[in-house]
Amino acid sequence: MKRVFRYLTRRLALTALVISAAMLVVGPGCTEFGSFKFTSESNVQTIQGTSLPVSGPLGNLAFDFNLEQELEKRDVKAAKAVRLNGLTLQITEDAEPEGDEDNFNFLDSIRFVASADGMEEAELAAQDNIPSGVKTLNVPVTSDTNLKPYIEQGLTLSTEGEGSPPEDDTSVKGIITLEVEIL
């Protein structure tokens, strides 16, 4: 009986030691291991209905997020990397008067590019062959670029598209999901 008790006592002590070591590595107060994700919505952007073909820049989507606040919410001291995990475009009702139904039929392809002061442009997501009649596009991520330096230098996310003009003004917003790797 004493041998069983000593064995269990040693086993519990070893388990406590492993847990304590893990807490030291992760850091006090950190409840996340390795990484976390968060989403941010852009401002609504109106694409003007026109007779000119769509080719080139469609404008910049302004996402309102603060990396430092996201880290603070999770009691995390610093981020090692930030990567785009998902990007969605949605048609909004802002430019849809009663009876109007906008969709992405005016686009043949779309591309999202990250830029910042002193940084090279990096394509983050792109899609060719936009399906007909959709009001939501989940644009495939094409790069695992570390966005942390871009965020530190004033990240701008630009959109470039190819297609024909929308019949009338069309309003769009973006939703991004970012994955933050914890130091």
Protein backbone atom coordinates (compact mmCIF):
# COMPACT_ATOMS: atom_id res chain seq x y z
CA MET A 1 0.00 0.00 0.00
CA LYS A 2 2.88 2.39 0.83
CA ARG A 3 4.47 1.66 -2.56
CA VAL A 4 1.25 2.58 -4.37
CA PHE A 5 0.93 5.77 -2.33
CA ARG A 6 4.59 6.78 -3.03
CA TYR A 7 4.11 6.02 -6.73
CA LEU A 8 0.95 8.16 -6.90
CA THR A 9 2.63 10.96 -4.93
CA ARG A 10 5.62 10.98 -7.32
CA ARG A 11 3.27 10.84 -10.32
CA LEU A 12 1.25 13.83 -9.04
CA ALA A 13 4.44 15.78 -8.27
CA LEU A 14 5.76 15.10 -11.79
CA THR A 15 2.43 16.19 -13.34
CA ALA A 16 2.46 19.40 -11.27
CA LEU A 17 6.06 20.08 -12.38
CA VAL A 18 5.15 19.63 -16.07
CA ILE A 19 2.13 21.95 -15.75
CA SER A 20 4.23 24.58 -13.94
CA ALA A 21 6.91 24.45 -16.63
CA ALA A 22 4.27 24.83 -19.35
CA MET A 23 2.83 27.89 -17.60
CA LEU A 24 6.29 29.49 -17.43
CA VAL A 25 6.86 28.93 -21.14
CA VAL A 26 3.45 30.31 -22.15
CA GLY A 27 3.49 33.16 -19.66
CA PRO A 28 1.40 34.14 -16.67
CA GLY A 29 -2.21 34.94 -17.44
CA CYS A 30 -2.06 33.61 -20.99
CA THR A 31 -4.94 31.28 -21.63
CA GLU A 32 -4.22 30.73 -25.33
CA PHE A 33 -1.62 28.26 -26.61
CA GLY A 34 0.20 29.16 -29.81
CA SER A 35 -2.26 31.39 -31.63
CA PHE A 36 -5.69 33.00 -31.71
CA LYS A 37 -8.02 34.34 -34.41
CA PHE A 38 -10.15 37.48 -34.59
CA THR A 39 -12.31 39.12 -37.24
CA SER A 40 -12.67 42.70 -38.39
CA GLU A 41 -15.20 44.35 -40.71
CA SER A 42 -14.32 47.07 -43.18
CA ASN A 43 -16.12 50.25 -43.91
CA VAL A 44 -18.84 49.99 -46.57
CA GLN A 45 -17.53 51.01 -49.97
CA THR A 46 -19.77 51.99 -52.88
CA ILE A 47 -18.72 50.94 -56.36
CA GLN A 48 -20.23 53.43 -58.80
CA GLY A 49 -22.49 52.12 -61.54
CA THR A 50 -20.92 53.24 -64.81
CA SER A 51 -20.57 52.41 -68.47
CA LEU A 52 -16.78 52.07 -68.15
CA PRO A 53 -15.30 48.56 -67.83
CA VAL A 54 -14.01 47.43 -64.43
CA SER A 55 -10.26 46.98 -64.66
CA GLY A 56 -7.67 47.72 -62.01
CA PRO A 57 -8.05 49.28 -58.58
CA LEU A 58 -11.49 49.16 -56.97
CA GLY A 59 -10.35 51.07 -53.90
CA ASN A 60 -9.16 50.39 -50.40
CA LEU A 61 -11.13 48.64 -47.70
CA ALA A 62 -10.47 50.24 -44.31
CA PHE A 63 -10.53 47.70 -41.50
CA ASP A 64 -10.79 49.07 -37.99
CA PHE A 65 -8.82 46.88 -35.60
CA ASN A 66 -6.06 47.40 -33.09
CA LEU A 67 -3.60 44.53 -32.72
CA GLU A 68 -2.43 45.77 -29.32
CA GLN A 69 -6.02 45.74 -28.01
CA GLU A 70 -6.58 42.22 -29.38
CA LEU A 71 -3.45 41.06 -27.55
CA GLU A 72 -4.52 42.83 -24.33
CA LYS A 73 -7.99 41.21 -24.43
CA ARG A 74 -6.26 37.84 -24.25
CA ASP A 75 -3.60 38.89 -21.73
CA VAL A 76 -0.89 38.20 -24.32
CA LYS A 77 2.32 40.25 -24.28
CA ALA A 78 3.37 40.14 -27.94
CA ALA A 79 2.67 38.63 -31.35
CA LYS A 80 5.24 36.78 -33.41
CA ALA A 81 3.23 36.90 -36.65
CA VAL A 82 -0.17 37.89 -38.04
CA ARG A 83 -1.55 36.09 -41.07
CA LEU A 84 -4.71 36.40 -43.14
CA ASN A 85 -6.88 33.36 -42.39
CA GLY A 86 -10.03 34.30 -44.32
CA LEU A 87 -11.50 37.09 -46.43
CA THR A 88 -15.17 37.56 -47.26
CA LEU A 89 -16.84 40.24 -49.38
CA GLN A 90 -20.54 40.94 -48.89
CA ILE A 91 -22.98 43.06 -50.86
CA THR A 92 -24.73 45.39 -48.41
CA GLU A 93 -28.12 47.06 -48.71
CA ASP A 94 -26.66 50.60 -48.47
CA ALA A 95 -26.90 51.19 -52.25
CA GLU A 96 -30.01 49.05 -52.83
CA PRO A 97 -33.16 51.10 -53.16
CA GLU A 98 -36.40 49.16 -52.78
CA GLY A 99 -36.70 46.52 -55.50
CA ASP A 100 -32.97 46.57 -56.33
CA GLU A 101 -30.94 43.37 -55.86
CA ASP A 102 -27.18 43.82 -56.27
CA ASN A 103 -24.68 40.96 -56.60
CA PHE A 104 -21.12 40.35 -57.79
CA ASN A 105 -22.07 39.70 -61.44
CA PHE A 106 -20.02 42.75 -62.47
CA LEU A 107 -16.77 41.00 -61.39
CA ASP A 108 -14.87 38.37 -63.35
CA SER A 109 -11.92 38.29 -60.92
CA ILE A 110 -10.71 40.04 -57.78
CA ARG A 111 -7.37 40.35 -56.04
CA PHE A 112 -6.40 41.73 -52.60
CA VAL A 113 -2.99 43.28 -52.04
CA ALA A 114 -1.34 44.38 -48.79
CA SER A 115 0.94 47.43 -48.78
CA ALA A 116 2.54 49.70 -46.21
CA ASP A 117 5.20 52.39 -46.06
CA GLY A 118 8.57 50.89 -46.98
CA MET A 119 7.13 47.41 -47.63
CA GLU A 120 6.76 45.50 -50.91
CA GLU A 121 3.20 44.81 -52.03
CA ALA A 122 2.01 41.29 -51.25
CA GLU A 123 -0.98 39.53 -52.81
CA LEU A 124 -3.03 37.99 -49.99
CA ALA A 125 -6.17 36.61 -51.65
CA ALA A 126 -7.55 36.24 -55.16
CA GLN A 127 -10.41 34.66 -57.06
CA ASP A 128 -11.06 34.17 -60.77
CA ASN A 129 -14.36 33.01 -62.26
CA ILE A 130 -16.73 34.70 -59.81
CA PRO A 131 -19.96 32.65 -59.61
CA SER A 132 -23.09 34.29 -61.01
CA GLY A 133 -25.68 35.84 -58.72
CA VAL A 134 -23.74 35.65 -55.43
CA LYS A 135 -24.01 38.33 -52.74
CA THR A 136 -21.19 36.86 -50.64
CA LEU A 137 -17.70 35.89 -51.83
CA ASN A 138 -15.32 33.86 -49.69
CA VAL A 139 -12.11 34.82 -51.47
CA PRO A 140 -9.37 32.15 -51.24
CA VAL A 141 -6.26 33.20 -49.31
CA THR A 142 -3.24 32.84 -51.64
CA SER A 143 -0.38 33.79 -49.32
CA ASP A 144 0.86 33.18 -45.78
CA THR A 145 2.58 36.58 -45.66
CA ASN A 146 3.36 37.79 -42.14
CA LEU A 147 1.28 40.97 -41.88
CA LYS A 148 2.74 42.12 -38.55
CA PRO A 149 5.36 44.40 -40.19
CA TYR A 150 2.66 45.76 -42.53
CA ILE A 151 0.37 46.52 -39.58
CA GLU A 152 3.24 48.26 -37.78
CA GLN A 153 3.87 50.42 -40.88
CA GLY A 154 0.21 51.29 -41.59
CA LEU A 155 -1.35 48.37 -43.50
CA THR A 156 -3.48 49.22 -46.54
CA LEU A 157 -5.55 46.47 -48.14
CA SER A 158 -6.26 47.33 -51.78
CA THR A 159 -8.63 45.57 -54.15
CA GLU A 160 -8.15 45.11 -57.87
CA GLY A 161 -10.80 43.68 -60.12
CA GLU A 162 -11.65 42.79 -63.69
CA GLY A 163 -15.14 42.68 -65.17
CA SER A 164 -17.98 44.78 -66.48
CA PRO A 165 -19.56 47.70 -64.63
CA PRO A 166 -22.40 47.14 -62.18
CA GLU A 167 -25.75 48.31 -63.55
CA ASP A 168 -26.08 50.76 -60.66
CA ASP A 169 -24.21 51.73 -57.52
CA THR A 170 -23.29 48.65 -55.48
CA SER A 171 -22.17 48.74 -51.85
CA VAL A 172 -19.70 46.20 -50.48
CA LYS A 173 -18.02 45.46 -47.16
CA GLY A 174 -15.17 43.13 -46.31
CA ILE A 175 -14.70 40.81 -43.37
CA ILE A 176 -11.24 39.49 -42.59
CA THR A 177 -10.14 36.84 -40.15
CA LEU A 178 -6.60 37.19 -38.89
CA GLU A 179 -4.60 34.55 -37.05
CA VAL A 180 -2.10 35.86 -34.52
CA GLU A 181 0.85 33.67 -33.55
CA ILE A 182 1.82 34.31 -29.94
CA LEU A 183 5.42 34.76 -28.84
